[in-house]
């Protein structure tokens, strides 16, 4: 049983669907007090963070939808404020290593697994911008100056992406992403609310093969927060 903490965009199709299946099983254990796997470390670390587990499900569904997969198994959101487990089965940078070994001679995810902090930052920039512009301005130079390790940056980004984006900051990030595709869109930006703007960015990024966006965590995960 495995619930990953890194963005679902790094998972290949098989891992994405596998985590979705196991997440439903894990939620059922907690909601229905099932005995199976009740003492598994993954079960235990989510027992007080079912709202976070629900949000992880929404992140998986957003990534599945982006890849054209069907989803017909919605979850009811548990009561309470958003809460995430403090524990990691493996820290985020180790999760990348595990996937790298797992995917040897196999297809990878939508986003290539990062080989260095610069590649990891490039994939997360707009996700961070949508949450904390100050952190966005801080991390860019630190990565460029090689002040951060892959381990420290992976941890910071995983924690940051657990935060819901505020509307104004989300709009700002979407406007930056829109700059890559506005020239090939038949729509006028002023006619688009955030949801429609995001959908248009997703569609044009894929059809136009805009690599910088198709390898961005924001292209999938932001859809889970509307």
C-alpha atoms as a PDB file:
ATOM      1  CA  UNK A   1       0.000   0.000   0.000  1.00  0.00           C
ATOM      2  CA  UNK A   2       1.448   3.361  -1.023  1.00  0.00           C
ATOM      3  CA  UNK A   3       0.132   6.906  -1.017  1.00  0.00           C
ATOM      4  CA  UNK A   4       2.777   9.124  -2.589  1.00  0.00           C
ATOM      5  CA  UNK A   5       3.463  12.641  -1.335  1.00  0.00           C
ATOM      6  CA  UNK A   6       5.031  14.037  -4.497  1.00  0.00           C
ATOM      7  CA  UNK A   7       2.907  15.490  -7.272  1.00  0.00           C
ATOM      8  CA  UNK A   8       0.884  12.904  -9.248  1.00  0.00           C
ATOM      9  CA  UNK A   9       2.334  14.285 -12.473  1.00  0.00           C
ATOM     10  CA  UNK A  10       5.529  12.342 -11.756  1.00  0.00           C
ATOM     11  CA  UNK A  11       3.661   9.014 -11.672  1.00  0.00           C
ATOM     12  CA  UNK A  12       3.259   6.917 -14.787  1.00  0.00           C
ATOM     13  CA  UNK A  13      -0.212   5.764 -15.754  1.00  0.00           C
ATOM     14  CA  UNK A  14       0.073   2.441 -13.941  1.00  0.00           C
ATOM     15  CA  UNK A  15       1.250   4.047 -10.695  1.00  0.00           C
ATOM     16  CA  UNK A  16      -1.375   6.778 -10.949  1.00  0.00           C
ATOM     17  CA  UNK A  17      -4.209   4.283 -11.276  1.00  0.00           C
ATOM     18  CA  UNK A  18      -2.658   2.024  -8.651  1.00  0.00           C
ATOM     19  CA  UNK A  19      -2.481   4.802  -6.074  1.00  0.00           C
ATOM     20  CA  UNK A  20      -6.054   5.822  -6.840  1.00  0.00           C
ATOM     21  CA  UNK A  21      -7.229   2.260  -6.223  1.00  0.00           C
ATOM     22  CA  UNK A  22      -5.256   1.940  -2.996  1.00  0.00           C
ATOM     23  CA  UNK A  23      -6.442   5.326  -1.744  1.00  0.00           C
ATOM     24  CA  UNK A  24     -10.057   4.202  -2.065  1.00  0.00           C
ATOM     25  CA  UNK A  25      -9.180   1.077  -0.109  1.00  0.00           C
ATOM     26  CA  UNK A  26      -7.415   3.104   2.559  1.00  0.00           C
ATOM     27  CA  UNK A  27     -10.316   5.531   2.919  1.00  0.00           C
ATOM     28  CA  UNK A  28     -12.692   2.564   3.264  1.00  0.00           C
ATOM     29  CA  UNK A  29     -10.552   1.104   6.052  1.00  0.00           C
ATOM     30  CA  UNK A  30     -10.877   4.331   8.024  1.00  0.00           C
ATOM     31  CA  UNK A  31     -14.526   5.084   7.303  1.00  0.00           C
ATOM     32  CA  UNK A  32     -15.814   1.525   7.729  1.00  0.00           C
ATOM     33  CA  UNK A  33     -13.408   0.451  10.489  1.00  0.00           C
ATOM     34  CA  UNK A  34     -12.107  -2.456   8.457  1.00  0.00           C
ATOM     35  CA  UNK A  35      -9.460  -4.701   9.977  1.00  0.00           C
ATOM     36  CA  UNK A  36      -7.379  -5.365   6.897  1.00  0.00           C
ATOM     37  CA  UNK A  37      -4.215  -3.227   6.778  1.00  0.00           C
ATOM     38  CA  UNK A  38      -5.472  -1.299   9.820  1.00  0.00           C
ATOM     39  CA  UNK A  39      -1.967  -1.370  11.343  1.00  0.00           C
ATOM     40  CA  UNK A  40      -0.106  -0.662   8.132  1.00  0.00           C
ATOM     41  CA  UNK A  41       2.172   2.409   8.459  1.00  0.00           C
ATOM     42  CA  UNK A  42       0.375   4.121   5.586  1.00  0.00           C
ATOM     43  CA  UNK A  43      -2.987   3.511   7.256  1.00  0.00           C
ATOM     44  CA  UNK A  44      -1.752   4.840  10.581  1.00  0.00           C
ATOM     45  CA  UNK A  45      -0.223   8.038   9.248  1.00  0.00           C
ATOM     46  CA  UNK A  46      -3.477   9.107   7.563  1.00  0.00           C
ATOM     47  CA  UNK A  47      -5.839   8.224  10.415  1.00  0.00           C
ATOM     48  CA  UNK A  48      -6.089  11.827  11.620  1.00  0.00           C
ATOM     49  CA  UNK A  49      -5.782  13.418   8.175  1.00  0.00           C
ATOM     50  CA  UNK A  50      -8.723  12.088   6.187  1.00  0.00           C
ATOM     51  CA  UNK A  51      -9.371  15.544   4.719  1.00  0.00           C
ATOM     52  CA  UNK A  52      -5.826  15.489   3.373  1.00  0.00           C
ATOM     53  CA  UNK A  53      -6.374  11.983   2.024  1.00  0.00           C
ATOM     54  CA  UNK A  54      -9.510  13.239   0.290  1.00  0.00           C
ATOM     55  CA  UNK A  55      -7.521  16.118  -1.217  1.00  0.00           C
ATOM     56  CA  UNK A  56      -4.871  13.696  -2.424  1.00  0.00           C
ATOM     57  CA  UNK A  57      -7.680  11.840  -4.173  1.00  0.00           C
ATOM     58  CA  UNK A  58      -8.748  15.050  -5.887  1.00  0.00           C
ATOM     59  CA  UNK A  59      -5.163  15.634  -7.016  1.00  0.00           C
ATOM     60  CA  UNK A  60      -5.049  12.142  -8.511  1.00  0.00           C
ATOM     61  CA  UNK A  61      -8.378  12.693 -10.267  1.00  0.00           C
ATOM     62  CA  UNK A  62      -7.197  16.012 -11.701  1.00  0.00           C
ATOM     63  CA  UNK A  63      -4.101  14.316 -13.122  1.00  0.00           C
ATOM     64  CA  UNK A  64      -6.157  11.413 -14.464  1.00  0.00           C
ATOM     65  CA  UNK A  65      -8.527  13.823 -16.179  1.00  0.00           C
ATOM     66  CA  UNK A  66      -5.612  15.708 -17.730  1.00  0.00           C
ATOM     67  CA  UNK A  67      -4.389  12.421 -19.221  1.00  0.00           C
ATOM     68  CA  UNK A  68      -7.818  11.619 -20.655  1.00  0.00           C
ATOM     69  CA  UNK A  69      -8.664   8.884 -18.154  1.00  0.00           C
ATOM     70  CA  UNK A  70     -12.219   8.306 -17.001  1.00  0.00           C
ATOM     71  CA  UNK A  71     -13.116   8.652 -13.338  1.00  0.00           C
ATOM     72  CA  UNK A  72     -16.342   7.272 -11.923  1.00  0.00           C
ATOM     73  CA  UNK A  73     -15.620   6.804  -8.216  1.00  0.00           C
ATOM     74  CA  UNK A  74     -15.995  10.118  -6.373  1.00  0.00           C
ATOM     75  CA  UNK A  75     -15.414  10.375  -2.639  1.00  0.00           C
ATOM     76  CA  UNK A  76     -17.407  12.327  -0.081  1.00  0.00           C
ATOM     77  CA  UNK A  77     -15.269  14.927   1.627  1.00  0.00           C
ATOM     78  CA  UNK A  78     -14.773  14.134   5.317  1.00  0.00           C
ATOM     79  CA  UNK A  79     -15.761  16.807   7.784  1.00  0.00           C
ATOM     80  CA  UNK A  80     -13.164  19.135   9.239  1.00  0.00           C
ATOM     81  CA  UNK A  81     -10.464  21.494   8.074  1.00  0.00           C
ATOM     82  CA  UNK A  82      -7.731  20.392   5.717  1.00  0.00           C
ATOM     83  CA  UNK A  83      -5.110  18.367   7.560  1.00  0.00           C
ATOM     84  CA  UNK A  84      -2.049  16.486   6.328  1.00  0.00           C
ATOM     85  CA  UNK A  85       0.052  13.871   8.130  1.00  0.00           C
ATOM     86  CA  UNK A  86       3.272  15.102   9.679  1.00  0.00           C
ATOM     87  CA  UNK A  87       5.037  11.800   8.980  1.00  0.00           C
ATOM     88  CA  UNK A  88       6.543  10.601   5.723  1.00  0.00           C
ATOM     89  CA  UNK A  89       6.973   6.913   4.961  1.00  0.00           C
ATOM     90  CA  UNK A  90       9.867   8.093   2.800  1.00  0.00           C
ATOM     91  CA  UNK A  91      10.875  11.750   2.418  1.00  0.00           C
ATOM     92  CA  UNK A  92       9.945  13.319  -0.941  1.00  0.00           C
ATOM     93  CA  UNK A  93      13.419  13.104  -2.502  1.00  0.00           C
ATOM     94  CA  UNK A  94      13.571   9.392  -1.672  1.00  0.00           C
ATOM     95  CA  UNK A  95      10.205   8.922  -3.347  1.00  0.00           C
ATOM     96  CA  UNK A  96      11.747  10.250  -6.555  1.00  0.00           C
ATOM     97  CA  UNK A  97      14.563   7.713  -6.180  1.00  0.00           C
ATOM     98  CA  UNK A  98      12.059   4.907  -5.634  1.00  0.00           C
ATOM     99  CA  UNK A  99      10.174   5.844  -8.781  1.00  0.00           C
ATOM    100  CA  UNK A 100      13.400   6.152 -10.752  1.00  0.00           C
ATOM    101  CA  UNK A 101      14.266   2.554  -9.868  1.00  0.00           C
ATOM    102  CA  UNK A 102      10.688   1.395 -10.424  1.00  0.00           C
ATOM    103  CA  UNK A 103      10.508   2.930 -13.884  1.00  0.00           C
ATOM    104  CA  UNK A 104      13.743   1.473 -15.245  1.00  0.00           C
ATOM    105  CA  UNK A 105      12.917   0.338 -18.799  1.00  0.00           C
ATOM    106  CA  UNK A 106       9.295   1.443 -18.255  1.00  0.00           C
ATOM    107  CA  UNK A 107       7.318   4.520 -19.300  1.00  0.00           C
ATOM    108  CA  UNK A 108       7.600   7.477 -16.963  1.00  0.00           C
ATOM    109  CA  UNK A 109       5.070  10.034 -15.851  1.00  0.00           C
ATOM    110  CA  UNK A 110       3.869  13.214 -17.492  1.00  0.00           C
ATOM    111  CA  UNK A 111       6.685  15.096 -15.766  1.00  0.00           C
ATOM    112  CA  UNK A 112      10.194  13.625 -15.999  1.00  0.00           C
ATOM    113  CA  UNK A 113      11.709  12.672 -12.658  1.00  0.00           C
ATOM    114  CA  UNK A 114      14.089  15.455 -11.565  1.00  0.00           C
ATOM    115  CA  UNK A 115      17.800  14.863 -11.834  1.00  0.00           C
ATOM    116  CA  UNK A 116      18.752  18.067 -10.014  1.00  0.00           C
ATOM    117  CA  UNK A 117      17.199  20.997  -8.101  1.00  0.00           C
ATOM    118  CA  UNK A 118      16.949  23.160 -11.229  1.00  0.00           C
ATOM    119  CA  UNK A 119      14.755  20.616 -13.016  1.00  0.00           C
ATOM    120  CA  UNK A 120      12.615  20.131  -9.908  1.00  0.00           C
ATOM    121  CA  UNK A 121      12.129  23.872  -9.496  1.00  0.00           C
ATOM    122  CA  UNK A 122      11.226  24.338 -13.164  1.00  0.00           C
ATOM    123  CA  UNK A 123       8.377  21.844 -12.836  1.00  0.00           C
ATOM    124  CA  UNK A 124       6.994  23.471  -9.655  1.00  0.00           C
ATOM    125  CA  UNK A 125       7.358  27.203 -10.349  1.00  0.00           C
ATOM    126  CA  UNK A 126       3.738  28.032 -11.105  1.00  0.00           C
ATOM    127  CA  UNK A 127       2.402  25.826  -8.324  1.00  0.00           C
ATOM    128  CA  UNK A 128       4.507  27.819  -5.862  1.00  0.00           C
ATOM    129  CA  UNK A 129       3.534  31.139  -7.464  1.00  0.00           C
ATOM    130  CA  UNK A 130      -0.127  30.238  -6.947  1.00  0.00           C
ATOM    131  CA  UNK A 131       0.464  29.918  -3.201  1.00  0.00           C
ATOM    132  CA  UNK A 132       3.348  32.082  -2.039  1.00  0.00           C
ATOM    133  CA  UNK A 133       4.829  34.748  -4.354  1.00  0.00           C
ATOM    134  CA  UNK A 134       7.436  35.572  -1.707  1.00  0.00           C
ATOM    135  CA  UNK A 135       8.661  31.983  -1.638  1.00  0.00           C
ATOM    136  CA  UNK A 136       8.602  31.957  -5.435  1.00  0.00           C
ATOM    137  CA  UNK A 137      10.935  34.974  -5.517  1.00  0.00           C
ATOM    138  CA  UNK A 138      13.148  33.404  -2.872  1.00  0.00           C
ATOM    139  CA  UNK A 139      13.537  29.924  -4.313  1.00  0.00           C
ATOM    140  CA  UNK A 140      14.388  30.947  -7.871  1.00  0.00           C
ATOM    141  CA  UNK A 141      17.685  32.677  -6.983  1.00  0.00           C
ATOM    142  CA  UNK A 142      18.551  30.059  -4.362  1.00  0.00           C
ATOM    143  CA  UNK A 143      18.198  27.297  -6.935  1.00  0.00           C
ATOM    144  CA  UNK A 144      20.175  29.263  -9.526  1.00  0.00           C
ATOM    145  CA  UNK A 145      22.972  29.835  -6.989  1.00  0.00           C
ATOM    146  CA  UNK A 146      22.951  26.138  -6.072  1.00  0.00           C
ATOM    147  CA  UNK A 147      22.139  26.828  -2.433  1.00  0.00           C
ATOM    148  CA  UNK A 148      19.544  24.050  -2.191  1.00  0.00           C
ATOM    149  CA  UNK A 149      19.903  20.302  -2.361  1.00  0.00           C
ATOM    150  CA  UNK A 150      17.382  18.114  -4.108  1.00  0.00           C
ATOM    151  CA  UNK A 151      16.383  16.762  -0.696  1.00  0.00           C
ATOM    152  CA  UNK A 152      15.711  20.144   0.919  1.00  0.00           C
ATOM    153  CA  UNK A 153      13.940  21.559  -2.121  1.00  0.00           C
ATOM    154  CA  UNK A 154      11.793  18.434  -2.526  1.00  0.00           C
ATOM    155  CA  UNK A 155      10.619  18.720   1.061  1.00  0.00           C
ATOM    156  CA  UNK A 156       9.843  22.429   0.790  1.00  0.00           C
ATOM    157  CA  UNK A 157       7.881  21.985  -2.428  1.00  0.00           C
ATOM    158  CA  UNK A 158       5.872  19.005  -1.166  1.00  0.00           C
ATOM    159  CA  UNK A 159       4.852  20.988   1.908  1.00  0.00           C
ATOM    160  CA  UNK A 160       4.027  24.112  -0.102  1.00  0.00           C
ATOM    161  CA  UNK A 161       1.794  22.255  -2.557  1.00  0.00           C
ATOM    162  CA  UNK A 162      -0.351  21.024   0.330  1.00  0.00           C
ATOM    163  CA  UNK A 163      -1.576  24.588   0.845  1.00  0.00           C
ATOM    164  CA  UNK A 164      -4.772  25.704  -0.924  1.00  0.00           C
ATOM    165  CA  UNK A 165      -4.019  28.544  -3.374  1.00  0.00           C
ATOM    166  CA  UNK A 166      -5.744  31.839  -2.615  1.00  0.00           C
ATOM    167  CA  UNK A 167      -7.844  33.182  -5.483  1.00  0.00           C
ATOM    168  CA  UNK A 168      -5.731  36.253  -6.261  1.00  0.00           C
ATOM    169  CA  UNK A 169      -2.505  34.271  -6.275  1.00  0.00           C
ATOM    170  CA  UNK A 170      -4.108  31.528  -8.347  1.00  0.00           C
ATOM    171  CA  UNK A 171      -5.250  34.102 -10.894  1.00  0.00           C
ATOM    172  CA  UNK A 172      -1.728  35.523 -11.053  1.00  0.00           C
ATOM    173  CA  UNK A 173      -0.183  32.120 -11.739  1.00  0.00           C
ATOM    174  CA  UNK A 174      -2.789  31.336 -14.390  1.00  0.00           C
ATOM    175  CA  UNK A 175      -2.097  34.650 -16.115  1.00  0.00           C
ATOM    176  CA  UNK A 176       1.595  33.770 -16.304  1.00  0.00           C
ATOM    177  CA  UNK A 177       0.750  30.360 -17.742  1.00  0.00           C
ATOM    178  CA  UNK A 178      -1.698  31.969 -20.158  1.00  0.00           C
ATOM    179  CA  UNK A 179       1.185  33.896 -21.676  1.00  0.00           C
ATOM    180  CA  UNK A 180       2.489  30.666 -23.214  1.00  0.00           C
ATOM    181  CA  UNK A 181      -0.751  29.806 -25.008  1.00  0.00           C
ATOM    182  CA  UNK A 182      -2.659  33.070 -25.511  1.00  0.00           C
ATOM    183  CA  UNK A 183      -1.337  33.401 -29.048  1.00  0.00           C
ATOM    184  CA  UNK A 184      -2.947  30.125 -30.131  1.00  0.00           C
ATOM    185  CA  UNK A 185      -6.268  30.592 -28.347  1.00  0.00           C
ATOM    186  CA  UNK A 186      -9.442  31.771 -30.048  1.00  0.00           C
ATOM    187  CA  UNK A 187     -10.774  33.025 -26.706  1.00  0.00           C
ATOM    188  CA  UNK A 188     -10.431  36.412 -25.053  1.00  0.00           C
ATOM    189  CA  UNK A 189      -8.848  36.351 -21.592  1.00  0.00           C
ATOM    190  CA  UNK A 190     -11.325  38.862 -20.185  1.00  0.00           C
ATOM    191  CA  UNK A 191     -14.202  36.493 -20.974  1.00  0.00           C
ATOM    192  CA  UNK A 192     -12.720  33.618 -18.958  1.00  0.00           C
ATOM    193  CA  UNK A 193     -13.182  32.939 -15.270  1.00  0.00           C
ATOM    194  CA  UNK A 194     -10.444  31.006 -13.473  1.00  0.00           C
ATOM    195  CA  UNK A 195     -11.913  27.563 -14.160  1.00  0.00           C
ATOM    196  CA  UNK A 196     -12.430  28.170 -17.877  1.00  0.00           C
ATOM    197  CA  UNK A 197      -9.024  29.824 -18.150  1.00  0.00           C
ATOM    198  CA  UNK A 198      -7.383  26.814 -16.538  1.00  0.00           C
ATOM    199  CA  UNK A 199      -9.208  24.411 -18.849  1.00  0.00           C
ATOM    200  CA  UNK A 200      -8.132  26.419 -21.891  1.00  0.00           C
ATOM    201  CA  UNK A 201      -4.521  26.443 -20.695  1.00  0.00           C
ATOM    202  CA  UNK A 202      -4.623  22.685 -20.195  1.00  0.00           C
ATOM    203  CA  UNK A 203      -6.119  22.019 -23.611  1.00  0.00           C
ATOM    204  CA  UNK A 204      -3.789  24.309 -25.552  1.00  0.00           C
ATOM    205  CA  UNK A 205      -0.686  23.197 -23.655  1.00  0.00           C
ATOM    206  CA  UNK A 206      -1.320  19.623 -24.753  1.00  0.00           C
ATOM    207  CA  UNK A 207      -2.522  20.283 -28.298  1.00  0.00           C
ATOM    208  CA  UNK A 208       0.224  22.859 -28.878  1.00  0.00           C
ATOM    209  CA  UNK A 209       2.860  20.673 -27.197  1.00  0.00           C
ATOM    210  CA  UNK A 210       3.987  23.506 -24.936  1.00  0.00           C
ATOM    211  CA  UNK A 211       6.642  21.494 -23.118  1.00  0.00           C
ATOM    212  CA  UNK A 212       7.264  24.010 -20.350  1.00  0.00           C
ATOM    213  CA  UNK A 213       3.630  23.703 -19.289  1.00  0.00           C
ATOM    214  CA  UNK A 214       3.077  20.017 -20.002  1.00  0.00           C
ATOM    215  CA  UNK A 215       5.955  19.340 -17.610  1.00  0.00           C
ATOM    216  CA  UNK A 216       4.523  21.638 -14.947  1.00  0.00           C
ATOM    217  CA  UNK A 217       2.876  20.374 -11.779  1.00  0.00           C
ATOM    218  CA  UNK A 218       0.459  23.309 -12.000  1.00  0.00           C
ATOM    219  CA  UNK A 219      -1.098  21.986 -15.206  1.00  0.00           C
ATOM    220  CA  UNK A 220      -2.575  19.101 -13.228  1.00  0.00           C
ATOM    221  CA  UNK A 221      -2.681  19.871  -9.539  1.00  0.00           C
ATOM    222  CA  UNK A 222      -4.276  23.317  -9.676  1.00  0.00           C
ATOM    223  CA  UNK A 223      -7.415  21.689 -11.051  1.00  0.00           C
ATOM    224  CA  UNK A 224      -7.955  19.949  -7.703  1.00  0.00           C
ATOM    225  CA  UNK A 225      -8.435  23.237  -5.843  1.00  0.00           C
ATOM    226  CA  UNK A 226     -11.287  24.896  -7.750  1.00  0.00           C
END
